[in-house]
Protein backbone atom coordinates (compact mmCIF):
# COMPACT_ATOMS: atom_id res chain seq x y z
CA MET A 1 233.77 81.39 170.23
CA THR A 2 236.41 80.41 172.76
CA GLY A 3 236.78 76.65 172.78
CA ALA A 4 233.13 75.72 172.23
CA HIS A 5 233.73 73.54 169.19
CA GLU A 6 236.71 71.83 170.77
CA ILE A 7 234.83 71.07 173.98
CA THR A 8 231.90 69.65 172.00
CA LEU A 9 234.18 67.33 170.02
CA LEU A 10 236.07 66.19 173.11
CA SER A 11 232.84 65.58 175.02
CA GLU A 12 231.40 63.55 172.15
CA SER A 13 234.58 61.45 172.27
CA ASN A 14 234.20 60.95 176.05
CA ILE A 15 237.45 62.81 176.69
CA LYS A 16 237.53 64.76 179.95
CA CYS A 17 238.40 68.37 179.40
CA ALA A 18 238.08 71.88 180.75
CA VAL A 19 238.65 75.33 179.35
CA VAL A 20 240.33 78.19 181.14
CA CYS A 21 240.33 81.35 179.11
CA MET A 22 240.67 85.08 179.43
CA ILE A 23 238.58 87.41 177.34
CA ASP A 24 239.63 91.02 177.12
CA ASN A 25 237.49 93.10 174.81
CA PHE A 26 238.32 96.77 174.32
CA ALA A 27 234.59 97.47 173.83
CA ASN A 28 233.59 95.59 177.01
CA GLY A 29 232.21 97.78 179.76
CA LEU A 30 231.27 100.72 177.60
CA GLY A 31 230.01 103.42 179.86
CA PRO A 32 229.91 107.15 180.34
CA LYS A 33 233.72 107.41 180.43
CA GLU A 34 235.78 106.34 177.43
CA MET A 35 238.41 103.73 178.24
CA SER A 36 241.95 104.50 177.16
CA PHE A 37 244.13 101.85 175.60
CA HIS A 38 246.40 102.11 178.66
CA GLU A 39 243.43 101.28 180.93
CA TYR A 40 242.56 98.34 178.68
CA GLU A 41 246.13 97.03 178.84
CA ALA A 42 246.19 97.44 182.63
CA GLY A 43 242.97 95.45 182.96
CA SER A 44 244.33 92.77 180.65
CA ALA A 45 247.53 92.51 182.71
CA LYS A 46 245.47 92.19 185.90
CA ASN A 47 243.37 89.42 184.33
CA ARG A 48 246.48 87.63 183.08
CA VAL A 49 247.82 87.38 186.65
CA VAL A 50 244.57 85.69 187.73
CA VAL A 51 244.60 83.24 184.80
CA GLU A 52 248.26 82.36 185.40
CA ALA A 53 247.48 81.65 189.07
CA ILE A 54 244.55 79.41 188.10
CA LEU A 55 246.67 77.52 185.56
CA GLY A 56 249.46 77.16 188.12
CA GLU A 57 247.05 75.58 190.61
CA LEU A 58 245.60 73.29 187.96
CA LEU A 59 249.07 72.10 186.90
CA LYS A 60 250.17 71.66 190.50
CA ASN A 61 247.11 69.49 191.22
CA ARG A 62 246.78 67.79 187.82
CA GLU A 63 247.24 64.27 189.18
CA THR A 64 244.21 64.60 191.45
CA LEU A 65 242.16 66.31 188.74
CA ILE A 66 242.74 63.59 186.15
CA ALA A 67 241.71 60.72 188.43
């Protein structure tokens, strides 16, 4: 659901590509304790920091990745 169709089309066209995505699902991790919306938002913010760091590294090193 996240980029699958796009990656398929790009691959069929022999275009190099990669997907970096973040999936935060309020229903993910259902367990004995109900998750509050605040906890969900905190987890999403934590994940966003990781994704931003990954994207920063990819952009910083894009010349070597494209070669």
